[in-house]
Amino acid sequence: LGANVKVFDSSLTRLRDLKSFVGHNLYTSTIQPKTLV
């Protein structure tokens, strides 16, 4: 739909798989309080 999406997860493997699934250069990050806030 054209939104800017940021994805957070504790697993790098899941984040890597998600980027491959979506086929888009997403902003992904592990769950770190400062970054999440």
Full PDB file with SEQRES, HELIX, SHEET, SSBOND, CRYST1, ORIGX, SCALE, CONECT and MASTER records, all heavy atoms in Angstrom:
SEQRES   1 A   37  LEU GLY ALA ASN VAL LYS VAL PHE ASP SER SER LEU THR          
SEQRES   2 A   37  ARG LEU ARG ASP LEU LYS SER PHE VAL GLY HIS ASN LEU          
SEQRES   3 A   37  TYR THR SER THR ILE GLN PRO LYS THR LEU VAL                  
HELIX    1 AA1 LEU A   12  VAL A   22  1                                  11    
HELIX    2 AA2 PRO A   33  LEU A   36  1                                   4    
SHEET    1 AA1 2 LYS A   6  PHE A   8  0                                        
SHEET    2 AA1 2 TYR A  27  SER A  29  1                                        
CRYST1    1.000    1.000    1.000  90.00  90.00  90.00 P 1           1          
ORIGX1      1.000000  0.000000  0.000000        0.00000                         
ORIGX2      0.000000  1.000000  0.000000        0.00000                         
ORIGX3      0.000000  0.000000  1.000000        0.00000                         
SCALE1      1.000000  0.000000  0.000000        0.00000                         
SCALE2      0.000000  1.000000  0.000000        0.00000                         
SCALE3      0.000000  0.000000  1.000000        0.00000                         
ATOM      1  N   LEU A   1       0.815  -1.219   0.000  1.00  0.00           N  
ATOM      2  CA  LEU A   1       0.000   0.000   0.000  1.00  0.00           C  
ATOM      3  C   LEU A   1       0.847   1.267   0.000  1.00  0.00           C  
ATOM      4  O   LEU A   1       0.313   2.376  -0.092  1.00  0.00           O  
ATOM      5  CB  LEU A   1      -0.929   0.007   1.223  1.00  0.00           C  
ATOM      6  CG  LEU A   1      -2.092  -0.998   1.166  1.00  0.00           C  
ATOM      7  CD1 LEU A   1      -2.768  -1.107   2.524  1.00  0.00           C  
ATOM      8  CD2 LEU A   1      -3.112  -0.589   0.098  1.00  0.00           C  
ATOM      9  N   GLY A   2       2.155   1.102   0.127  1.00  0.00           N  
ATOM     10  CA  GLY A   2       3.050   2.263   0.010  1.00  0.00           C  
ATOM     11  C   GLY A   2       3.491   2.874   1.321  1.00  0.00           C  
ATOM     12  O   GLY A   2       4.027   3.988   1.334  1.00  0.00           O  
ATOM     13  N   ALA A   3       3.299   2.174   2.444  1.00  0.00           N  
ATOM     14  CA  ALA A   3       3.712   2.723   3.735  1.00  0.00           C  
ATOM     15  C   ALA A   3       5.205   2.504   3.961  1.00  0.00           C  
ATOM     16  O   ALA A   3       5.810   1.607   3.375  1.00  0.00           O  
ATOM     17  CB  ALA A   3       2.917   2.054   4.852  1.00  0.00           C  
ATOM     18  N   ASN A   4       5.775   3.328   4.816  1.00  0.00           N  
ATOM     19  CA  ASN A   4       7.136   3.093   5.294  1.00  0.00           C  
ATOM     20  C   ASN A   4       7.050   2.126   6.465  1.00  0.00           C  
ATOM     21  O   ASN A   4       6.383   2.416   7.457  1.00  0.00           O  
ATOM     22  CB  ASN A   4       7.792   4.402   5.767  1.00  0.00           C  
ATOM     23  CG  ASN A   4       8.430   5.165   4.624  1.00  0.00           C  
ATOM     24  OD1 ASN A   4       8.628   4.624   3.541  1.00  0.00           O  
ATOM     25  ND2 ASN A   4       8.730   6.434   4.851  1.00  0.00           N  
ATOM     26  N   VAL A   5       7.719   0.997   6.376  1.00  0.00           N  
ATOM     27  CA  VAL A   5       7.584  -0.052   7.382  1.00  0.00           C  
ATOM     28  C   VAL A   5       8.919  -0.326   8.062  1.00  0.00           C  
ATOM     29  O   VAL A   5       9.951  -0.437   7.401  1.00  0.00           O  
ATOM     30  CB  VAL A   5       7.045  -1.356   6.757  1.00  0.00           C  
ATOM     31  CG1 VAL A   5       6.790  -2.398   7.841  1.00  0.00           C  
ATOM     32  CG2 VAL A   5       5.763  -1.099   5.975  1.00  0.00           C  
ATOM     33  N   LYS A   6       8.862  -0.427   9.380  1.00  0.00           N  
ATOM     34  CA  LYS A   6      10.029  -0.821  10.165  1.00  0.00           C  
ATOM     35  C   LYS A   6       9.650  -2.078  10.949  1.00  0.00           C  
ATOM     36  O   LYS A   6       8.620  -2.109  11.621  1.00  0.00           O  
ATOM     37  CB  LYS A   6      10.439   0.290  11.128  1.00  0.00           C  
ATOM     38  CG  LYS A   6      10.916   1.556  10.421  1.00  0.00           C  
ATOM     39  CD  LYS A   6      11.268   2.658  11.411  1.00  0.00           C  
ATOM     40  CE  LYS A   6      11.735   3.923  10.661  1.00  0.00           C  
ATOM     41  NZ  LYS A   6      12.042   5.021  11.593  1.00  0.00           N  
ATOM     42  N   VAL A   7      10.496  -3.092  10.849  1.00  0.00           N  
ATOM     43  CA  VAL A   7      10.195  -4.378  11.476  1.00  0.00           C  
ATOM     44  C   VAL A   7      11.225  -4.681  12.558  1.00  0.00           C  
ATOM     45  O   VAL A   7      12.432  -4.550  12.336  1.00  0.00           O  
ATOM     46  CB  VAL A   7      10.181  -5.519  10.438  1.00  0.00           C  
ATOM     47  CG1 VAL A   7       9.724  -6.819  11.096  1.00  0.00           C  
ATOM     48  CG2 VAL A   7       9.276  -5.176   9.263  1.00  0.00           C  
ATOM     49  N   PHE A   8      10.720  -5.098  13.714  1.00  0.00           N  
ATOM     50  CA  PHE A   8      11.583  -5.441  14.843  1.00  0.00           C  
ATOM     51  C   PHE A   8      11.340  -6.894  15.251  1.00  0.00           C  
ATOM     52  O   PHE A   8      10.199  -7.354  15.309  1.00  0.00           O  
ATOM     53  CB  PHE A   8      11.289  -4.535  16.042  1.00  0.00           C  
ATOM     54  CG  PHE A   8      11.695  -3.102  15.851  1.00  0.00           C  
ATOM     55  CD1 PHE A   8      10.872  -2.217  15.156  1.00  0.00           C  
ATOM     56  CD2 PHE A   8      12.898  -2.628  16.354  1.00  0.00           C  
ATOM     57  CE1 PHE A   8      11.242  -0.898  14.970  1.00  0.00           C  
ATOM     58  CE2 PHE A   8      13.268  -1.308  16.186  1.00  0.00           C  
ATOM     59  CZ  PHE A   8      12.439  -0.437  15.486  1.00  0.00           C  
ATOM     60  N   ASP A   9      12.421  -7.604  15.529  1.00  0.00           N  
ATOM     61  CA  ASP A   9      12.311  -8.971  16.023  1.00  0.00           C  
ATOM     62  C   ASP A   9      13.611  -9.335  16.733  1.00  0.00           C  
ATOM     63  O   ASP A   9      14.672  -8.757  16.442  1.00  0.00           O  
ATOM     64  CB  ASP A   9      12.044  -9.952  14.879  1.00  0.00           C  
ATOM     65  CG  ASP A   9      11.547 -11.301  15.370  1.00  0.00           C  
ATOM     66  OD1 ASP A   9      12.389 -12.133  15.770  1.00  0.00           O  
ATOM     67  OD2 ASP A   9      10.328 -11.526  15.371  1.00  0.00           O  
ATOM     68  N   SER A  10      13.541 -10.287  17.638  1.00  0.00           N  
ATOM     69  CA  SER A  10      14.736 -10.697  18.381  1.00  0.00           C  
ATOM     70  C   SER A  10      15.613 -11.655  17.582  1.00  0.00           C  
ATOM     71  O   SER A  10      16.747 -11.930  17.960  1.00  0.00           O  
ATOM     72  CB  SER A  10      14.328 -11.360  19.696  1.00  0.00           C  
ATOM     73  OG  SER A  10      13.467 -12.458  19.448  1.00  0.00           O  
ATOM     74  N   SER A  11      15.081 -12.177  16.467  1.00  0.00           N  
ATOM     75  CA  SER A  11      15.812 -13.157  15.660  1.00  0.00           C  
ATOM     76  C   SER A  11      16.272 -12.550  14.335  1.00  0.00           C  
ATOM     77  O   SER A  11      15.457 -12.109  13.519  1.00  0.00           O  
ATOM     78  CB  SER A  11      14.921 -14.368  15.380  1.00  0.00           C  
ATOM     79  OG  SER A  11      15.502 -15.216  14.412  1.00  0.00           O  
ATOM     80  N   LEU A  12      17.567 -12.552  14.115  1.00  0.00           N  
ATOM     81  CA  LEU A  12      18.107 -12.070  12.833  1.00  0.00           C  
ATOM     82  C   LEU A  12      17.683 -12.974  11.678  1.00  0.00           C  
ATOM     83  O   LEU A  12      17.470 -12.512  10.555  1.00  0.00           O  
ATOM     84  CB  LEU A  12      19.638 -11.999  12.897  1.00  0.00           C  
ATOM     85  CG  LEU A  12      20.238 -10.780  13.616  1.00  0.00           C  
ATOM     86  CD1 LEU A  12      21.742 -10.960  13.793  1.00  0.00           C  
ATOM     87  CD2 LEU A  12      19.960  -9.501  12.832  1.00  0.00           C  
ATOM     88  N   THR A  13      17.579 -14.272  11.959  1.00  0.00           N  
ATOM     89  CA  THR A  13      17.176 -15.223  10.916  1.00  0.00           C  
ATOM     90  C   THR A  13      15.774 -14.905  10.413  1.00  0.00           C  
ATOM     91  O   THR A  13      15.525 -14.880   9.205  1.00  0.00           O  
ATOM     92  CB  THR A  13      17.222 -16.662  11.460  1.00  0.00           C  
ATOM     93  OG1 THR A  13      18.555 -16.943  11.917  1.00  0.00           O  
ATOM     94  CG2 THR A  13      16.835 -17.668  10.386  1.00  0.00           C  
ATOM     95  N   ARG A  14      14.845 -14.637  11.347  1.00  0.00           N  
ATOM     96  CA  ARG A  14      13.476 -14.298  10.941  1.00  0.00           C  
ATOM     97  C   ARG A  14      13.436 -12.976  10.177  1.00  0.00           C  
ATOM     98  O   ARG A  14      12.674 -12.830   9.215  1.00  0.00           O  
ATOM     99  CB  ARG A  14      12.560 -14.242  12.164  1.00  0.00           C  
ATOM    100  CG  ARG A  14      12.136 -15.599  12.679  1.00  0.00           C  
ATOM    101  CD  ARG A  14      10.915 -15.509  13.599  1.00  0.00           C  
ATOM    102  NE  ARG A  14      11.226 -14.806  14.830  1.00  0.00           N  
ATOM    103  CZ  ARG A  14      11.611 -15.391  15.951  1.00  0.00           C  
ATOM    104  NH1 ARG A  14      11.757 -16.706  15.986  1.00  0.00           N  
ATOM    105  NH2 ARG A  14      11.860 -14.691  17.035  1.00  0.00           N  
ATOM    106  N   LEU A  15      14.232 -12.010  10.600  1.00  0.00           N  
ATOM    107  CA  LEU A  15      14.280 -10.728   9.885  1.00  0.00           C  
ATOM    108  C   LEU A  15      14.819 -10.918   8.467  1.00  0.00           C  
ATOM    109  O   LEU A  15      14.315 -10.322   7.511  1.00  0.00           O  
ATOM    110  CB  LEU A  15      15.151  -9.730  10.653  1.00  0.00           C  
ATOM    111  CG  LEU A  15      14.581  -9.224  11.990  1.00  0.00           C  
ATOM    112  CD1 LEU A  15      15.631  -8.429  12.738  1.00  0.00           C  
ATOM    113  CD2 LEU A  15      13.330  -8.376  11.775  1.00  0.00           C  
ATOM    114  N   ARG A  16      15.831 -11.765   8.346  1.00  0.00           N  
ATOM    115  CA  ARG A  16      16.422 -12.036   7.025  1.00  0.00           C  
ATOM    116  C   ARG A  16      15.407 -12.744   6.130  1.00  0.00           C  
ATOM    117  O   ARG A  16      15.256 -12.403   4.948  1.00  0.00           O  
ATOM    118  CB  ARG A  16      17.673 -12.894   7.210  1.00  0.00           C  
ATOM    119  CG  ARG A  16      18.552 -12.987   5.957  1.00  0.00           C  
ATOM    120  CD  ARG A  16      19.820 -13.783   6.226  1.00  0.00           C  
ATOM    121  NE  ARG A  16      20.698 -13.077   7.157  1.00  0.00           N  
ATOM    122  CZ  ARG A  16      21.013 -13.529   8.373  1.00  0.00           C  
ATOM    123  NH1 ARG A  16      20.519 -14.665   8.807  1.00  0.00           N  
ATOM    124  NH2 ARG A  16      21.832 -12.836   9.149  1.00  0.00           N  
ATOM    125  N   ASP A  17      14.690 -13.711   6.704  1.00  0.00           N  
ATOM    126  CA  ASP A  17      13.664 -14.434   5.935  1.00  0.00           C  
ATOM    127  C   ASP A  17      12.536 -13.501   5.512  1.00  0.00           C  
ATOM    128  O   ASP A  17      11.999 -13.616   4.403  1.00  0.00           O  
ATOM    129  CB  ASP A  17      13.094 -15.588   6.766  1.00  0.00           C  
ATOM    130  CG  ASP A  17      14.091 -16.717   6.977  1.00  0.00           C  
ATOM    131  OD1 ASP A  17      15.093 -16.749   6.244  1.00  0.00           O  
ATOM    132  OD2 ASP A  17      13.875 -17.549   7.880  1.00  0.00           O  
ATOM    133  N   LEU A  18      12.161 -12.570   6.393  1.00  0.00           N  
ATOM    134  CA  LEU A  18      11.094 -11.625   6.076  1.00  0.00           C  
ATOM    135  C   LEU A  18      11.479 -10.721   4.909  1.00  0.00           C  
ATOM    136  O   LEU A  18      10.675 -10.475   4.010  1.00  0.00           O  
ATOM    137  CB  LEU A  18      10.745 -10.792   7.315  1.00  0.00           C  
ATOM    138  CG  LEU A  18       9.574  -9.810   7.154  1.00  0.00           C  
ATOM    139  CD1 LEU A  18       8.729  -9.777   8.412  1.00  0.00           C  
ATOM    140  CD2 LEU A  18      10.059  -8.400   6.851  1.00  0.00           C  
ATOM    141  N   LYS A  19      12.706 -10.241   4.907  1.00  0.00           N  
ATOM    142  CA  LYS A  19      13.158  -9.392   3.796  1.00  0.00           C  
ATOM    143  C   LYS A  19      13.112 -10.158   2.488  1.00  0.00           C  
ATOM    144  O   LYS A  19      12.733  -9.614   1.448  1.00  0.00           O  
ATOM    145  CB  LYS A  19      14.579  -8.898   4.074  1.00  0.00           C  
ATOM    146  CG  LYS A  19      14.665  -7.833   5.163  1.00  0.00           C  
ATOM    147  CD  LYS A  19      16.086  -7.352   5.390  1.00  0.00           C  
ATOM    148  CE  LYS A  19      16.517  -6.400   4.292  1.00  0.00           C  
ATOM    149  NZ  LYS A  19      17.818  -5.757   4.612  1.00  0.00           N  
ATOM    150  N   SER A  20      13.485 -11.426   2.554  1.00  0.00           N  
ATOM    151  CA  SER A  20      13.446 -12.261   1.349  1.00  0.00           C  
ATOM    152  C   SER A  20      12.006 -12.502   0.906  1.00  0.00           C  
ATOM    153  O   SER A  20      11.694 -12.473  -0.289  1.00  0.00           O  
ATOM    154  CB  SER A  20      14.141 -13.596   1.637  1.00  0.00           C  
ATOM    155  OG  SER A  20      14.036 -14.463   0.540  1.00  0.00           O  
ATOM    156  N   PHE A  21      11.096 -12.703   1.863  1.00  0.00           N  
ATOM    157  CA  PHE A  21       9.689 -12.969   1.573  1.00  0.00           C  
ATOM    158  C   PHE A  21       9.019 -11.743   0.947  1.00  0.00           C  
ATOM    159  O   PHE A  21       8.274 -11.860  -0.029  1.00  0.00           O  
ATOM    160  CB  PHE A  21       8.972 -13.363   2.874  1.00  0.00           C  
ATOM    161  CG  PHE A  21       7.480 -13.467   2.749  1.00  0.00           C  
ATOM    162  CD1 PHE A  21       6.895 -14.582   2.192  1.00  0.00           C  
ATOM    163  CD2 PHE A  21       6.649 -12.441   3.217  1.00  0.00           C  
ATOM    164  CE1 PHE A  21       5.517 -14.680   2.090  1.00  0.00           C  
ATOM    165  CE2 PHE A  21       5.284 -12.534   3.116  1.00  0.00           C  
ATOM    166  CZ  PHE A  21       4.714 -13.664   2.546  1.00  0.00           C  
ATOM    167  N   VAL A  22       9.281 -10.579   1.514  1.00  0.00           N  
ATOM    168  CA  VAL A  22       8.644  -9.347   1.032  1.00  0.00           C  
ATOM    169  C   VAL A  22       9.275  -8.892  -0.280  1.00  0.00           C  
ATOM    170  O   VAL A  22       8.617  -8.296  -1.132  1.00  0.00           O  
ATOM    171  CB  VAL A  22       8.722  -8.241   2.111  1.00  0.00           C  
ATOM    172  CG1 VAL A  22       8.187  -6.924   1.579  1.00  0.00           C  
ATOM    173  CG2 VAL A  22       7.936  -8.662   3.346  1.00  0.00           C  
ATOM    174  N   GLY A  23      10.555  -9.198  -0.457  1.00  0.00           N  
ATOM    175  CA  GLY A  23      11.250  -8.787  -1.676  1.00  0.00           C  
ATOM    176  C   GLY A  23      11.430  -7.297  -1.767  1.00  0.00           C  
ATOM    177  O   GLY A  23      11.307  -6.692  -2.831  1.00  0.00           O  
ATOM    178  N   HIS A  24      11.725  -6.675  -0.635  1.00  0.00           N  
ATOM    179  CA  HIS A  24      11.843  -5.226  -0.569  1.00  0.00           C  
ATOM    180  C   HIS A  24      12.928  -4.883   0.431  1.00  0.00           C  
ATOM    181  O   HIS A  24      13.117  -5.592   1.431  1.00  0.00           O  
ATOM    182  CB  HIS A  24      10.497  -4.623  -0.125  1.00  0.00           C  
ATOM    183  CG  HIS A  24      10.377  -3.150  -0.355  1.00  0.00           C  
ATOM    184  ND1 HIS A  24      10.818  -2.223   0.555  1.00  0.00           N  
ATOM    185  CD2 HIS A  24       9.857  -2.442  -1.386  1.00  0.00           C  
ATOM    186  CE1 HIS A  24      10.572  -1.011   0.092  1.00  0.00           C  
ATOM    187  NE2 HIS A  24       9.980  -1.124  -1.088  1.00  0.00           N  
ATOM    188  N   ASN A  25      13.657  -3.806   0.166  1.00  0.00           N  
ATOM    189  CA  ASN A  25      14.732  -3.410   1.068  1.00  0.00           C  
ATOM    190  C   ASN A  25      14.154  -2.700   2.289  1.00  0.00           C  
ATOM    191  O   ASN A  25      14.030  -1.490   2.331  1.00  0.00           O  
ATOM    192  CB  ASN A  25      15.727  -2.496   0.335  1.00  0.00           C  
ATOM    193  CG  ASN A  25      16.994  -2.278   1.141  1.00  0.00           C  
ATOM    194  OD1 ASN A  25      17.332  -3.079   2.009  1.00  0.00           O  
ATOM    195  ND2 ASN A  25      17.695  -1.199   0.844  1.00  0.00           N  
ATOM    196  N   LEU A  26      13.813  -3.481   3.294  1.00  0.00           N  
ATOM    197  CA  LEU A  26      13.125  -2.969   4.466  1.00  0.00           C  
ATOM    198  C   LEU A  26      14.095  -2.492   5.542  1.00  0.00           C  
ATOM    199  O   LEU A  26      15.242  -2.911   5.601  1.00  0.00           O  
ATOM    200  CB  LEU A  26      12.275  -4.087   5.095  1.00  0.00           C  
ATOM    201  CG  LEU A  26      11.041  -4.555   4.345  1.00  0.00           C  
ATOM    202  CD1 LEU A  26      10.531  -5.824   5.003  1.00  0.00           C  
ATOM    203  CD2 LEU A  26       9.962  -3.494   4.367  1.00  0.00           C  
ATOM    204  N   TYR A  27      13.542  -1.636   6.419  1.00  0.00           N  
ATOM    205  CA  TYR A  27      14.245  -1.290   7.649  1.00  0.00           C  
ATOM    206  C   TYR A  27      13.938  -2.398   8.648  1.00  0.00           C  
ATOM    207  O   TYR A  27      12.789  -2.629   9.022  1.00  0.00           O  
ATOM    208  CB  TYR A  27      13.738   0.058   8.182  1.00  0.00           C  
ATOM    209  CG  TYR A  27      14.307   0.474   9.526  1.00  0.00           C  
ATOM    210  CD1 TYR A  27      15.280   1.467   9.607  1.00  0.00           C  
ATOM    211  CD2 TYR A  27      13.872  -0.127  10.700  1.00  0.00           C  
ATOM    212  CE1 TYR A  27      15.796   1.852  10.848  1.00  0.00           C  
ATOM    213  CE2 TYR A  27      14.383   0.252  11.933  1.00  0.00           C  
ATOM    214  CZ  TYR A  27      15.345   1.239  12.000  1.00  0.00           C  
ATOM    215  OH  TYR A  27      15.866   1.612  13.212  1.00  0.00           O  
ATOM    216  N   THR A  28      14.955  -3.115   9.089  1.00  0.00           N  
ATOM    217  CA  THR A  28      14.772  -4.167  10.094  1.00  0.00           C  
ATOM    218  C   THR A  28      15.757  -3.939  11.234  1.00  0.00           C  
ATOM    219  O   THR A  28      16.844  -3.397  11.033  1.00  0.00           O  
ATOM    220  CB  THR A  28      15.000  -5.570   9.499  1.00  0.00           C  
ATOM    221  OG1 THR A  28      16.311  -5.631   8.933  1.00  0.00           O  
ATOM    222  CG2 THR A  28      13.964  -5.898   8.444  1.00  0.00           C  
ATOM    223  N   SER A  29      15.362  -4.375  12.415  1.00  0.00           N  
ATOM    224  CA  SER A  29      16.222  -4.191  13.578  1.00  0.00           C  
ATOM    225  C   SER A  29      15.903  -5.238  14.638  1.00  0.00           C  
ATOM    226  O   SER A  29      14.763  -5.683  14.744  1.00  0.00           O  
ATOM    227  CB  SER A  29      16.029  -2.786  14.171  1.00  0.00           C  
ATOM    228  OG  SER A  29      16.730  -2.646  15.396  1.00  0.00           O  
ATOM    229  N   THR A  30      16.911  -5.620  15.390  1.00  0.00           N  
ATOM    230  CA  THR A  30      16.652  -6.414  16.582  1.00  0.00           C  
ATOM    231  C   THR A  30      15.982  -5.500  17.611  1.00  0.00           C  
ATOM    232  O   THR A  30      16.042  -4.276  17.487  1.00  0.00           O  
ATOM    233  CB  THR A  30      17.947  -7.001  17.157  1.00  0.00           C  
ATOM    234  OG1 THR A  30      18.893  -5.950  17.337  1.00  0.00           O  
ATOM    235  CG2 THR A  30      18.525  -8.052  16.228  1.00  0.00           C  
ATOM    236  N   ILE A  31      15.370  -6.097  18.609  1.00  0.00           N  
ATOM    237  CA  ILE A  31      14.606  -5.312  19.580  1.00  0.00           C  
ATOM    238  C   ILE A  31      15.549  -4.701  20.617  1.00  0.00           C  
ATOM    239  O   ILE A  31      16.017  -5.389  21.528  1.00  0.00           O  
ATOM    240  CB  ILE A  31      13.530  -6.183  20.249  1.00  0.00           C  
ATOM    241  CG1 ILE A  31      12.555  -6.697  19.185  1.00  0.00           C  
ATOM    242  CG2 ILE A  31      12.771  -5.400  21.319  1.00  0.00           C  
ATOM    243  CD1 ILE A  31      11.541  -7.703  19.683  1.00  0.00           C  
ATOM    244  N   GLN A  32      15.831  -3.420  20.409  1.00  0.00           N  
ATOM    245  CA  GLN A  32      16.649  -2.641  21.342  1.00  0.00           C  
ATOM    246  C   GLN A  32      15.802  -1.458  21.809  1.00  0.00           C  
ATOM    247  O   GLN A  32      15.274  -0.717  20.983  1.00  0.00           O  
ATOM    248  CB  GLN A  32      17.921  -2.154  20.661  1.00  0.00           C  
ATOM    249  CG  GLN A  32      18.790  -3.283  20.117  1.00  0.00           C  
ATOM    250  CD  GLN A  32      19.924  -2.775  19.249  1.00  0.00           C  
ATOM    251  OE1 GLN A  32      20.358  -1.637  19.399  1.00  0.00           O  
ATOM    252  NE2 GLN A  32      20.395  -3.610  18.342  1.00  0.00           N  
ATOM    253  N   PRO A  33      15.631  -1.279  23.122  1.00  0.00           N  
ATOM    254  CA  PRO A  33      14.711  -0.259  23.641  1.00  0.00           C  
ATOM    255  C   PRO A  33      14.881   1.128  23.036  1.00  0.00           C  
ATOM    256  O   PRO A  33      13.892   1.756  22.640  1.00  0.00           O  
ATOM    257  CB  PRO A  33      15.019  -0.259  25.142  1.00  0.00           C  
ATOM    258  CG  PRO A  33      15.483  -1.648  25.423  1.00  0.00           C  
ATOM    259  CD  PRO A  33      16.232  -2.078  24.197  1.00  0.00           C  
ATOM    260  N   LYS A  34      16.105   1.629  22.914  1.00  0.00           N  
ATOM    261  CA  LYS A  34      16.324   2.981  22.390  1.00  0.00           C  
ATOM    262  C   LYS A  34      15.873   3.086  20.936  1.00  0.00           C  
ATOM    263  O   LYS A  34      15.219   4.070  20.538  1.00  0.00           O  
ATOM    264  CB  LYS A  34      17.793   3.368  22.514  1.00  0.00           C  
ATOM    265  CG  LYS A  34      18.227   3.710  23.940  1.00  0.00           C  
ATOM    266  CD  LYS A  34      19.653   4.222  23.959  1.00  0.00           C  
ATOM    267  CE  LYS A  34      20.080   4.619  25.388  1.00  0.00           C  
ATOM    268  NZ  LYS A  34      21.472   5.105  25.428  1.00  0.00           N  
ATOM    269  N   THR A  35      16.235   2.091  20.135  1.00  0.00           N  
ATOM    270  CA  THR A  35      15.857   2.094  18.712  1.00  0.00           C  
ATOM    271  C   THR A  35      14.340   1.966  18.559  1.00  0.00           C  
ATOM    272  O   THR A  35      13.730   2.631  17.724  1.00  0.00           O  
ATOM    273  CB  THR A  35      16.549   0.932  17.970  1.00  0.00           C  
ATOM    274  OG1 THR A  35      17.927   0.928  18.291  1.00  0.00           O  
ATOM    275  CG2 THR A  35      16.383   1.064  16.471  1.00  0.00           C  
ATOM    276  N   LEU A  36      13.729   1.104  19.393  1.00  0.00           N  
ATOM    277  CA  LEU A  36      12.282   0.900  19.321  1.00  0.00           C  
ATOM    278  C   LEU A  36      11.528   2.166  19.729  1.00  0.00           C  
ATOM    279  O   LEU A  36      10.560   2.556  19.070  1.00  0.00           O  
ATOM    280  CB  LEU A  36      11.881  -0.277  20.217  1.00  0.00           C  
ATOM    281  CG  LEU A  36      10.398  -0.682  20.214  1.00  0.00           C  
ATOM    282  CD1 LEU A  36       9.925  -1.021  18.804  1.00  0.00           C  
ATOM    283  CD2 LEU A  36      10.166  -1.857  21.142  1.00  0.00           C  
ATOM    284  N   VAL A  37      11.979   2.826  20.786  1.00  0.00           N  
ATOM    285  CA  VAL A  37      11.328   4.067  21.244  1.00  0.00           C  
ATOM    286  C   VAL A  37      11.377   5.121  20.151  1.00  0.00           C  
ATOM    287  O   VAL A  37      10.378   5.817  19.886  1.00  0.00           O  
ATOM    288  CB  VAL A  37      11.999   4.588  22.531  1.00  0.00           C  
ATOM    289  CG1 VAL A  37      11.559   6.018  22.824  1.00  0.00           C  
ATOM    290  CG2 VAL A  37      11.657   3.697  23.704  1.00  0.00           C  
TER     291      VAL A  37                                                      
MASTER        0    0    0    2    2    0    0    6  290    1    0    3          
END                                                                             
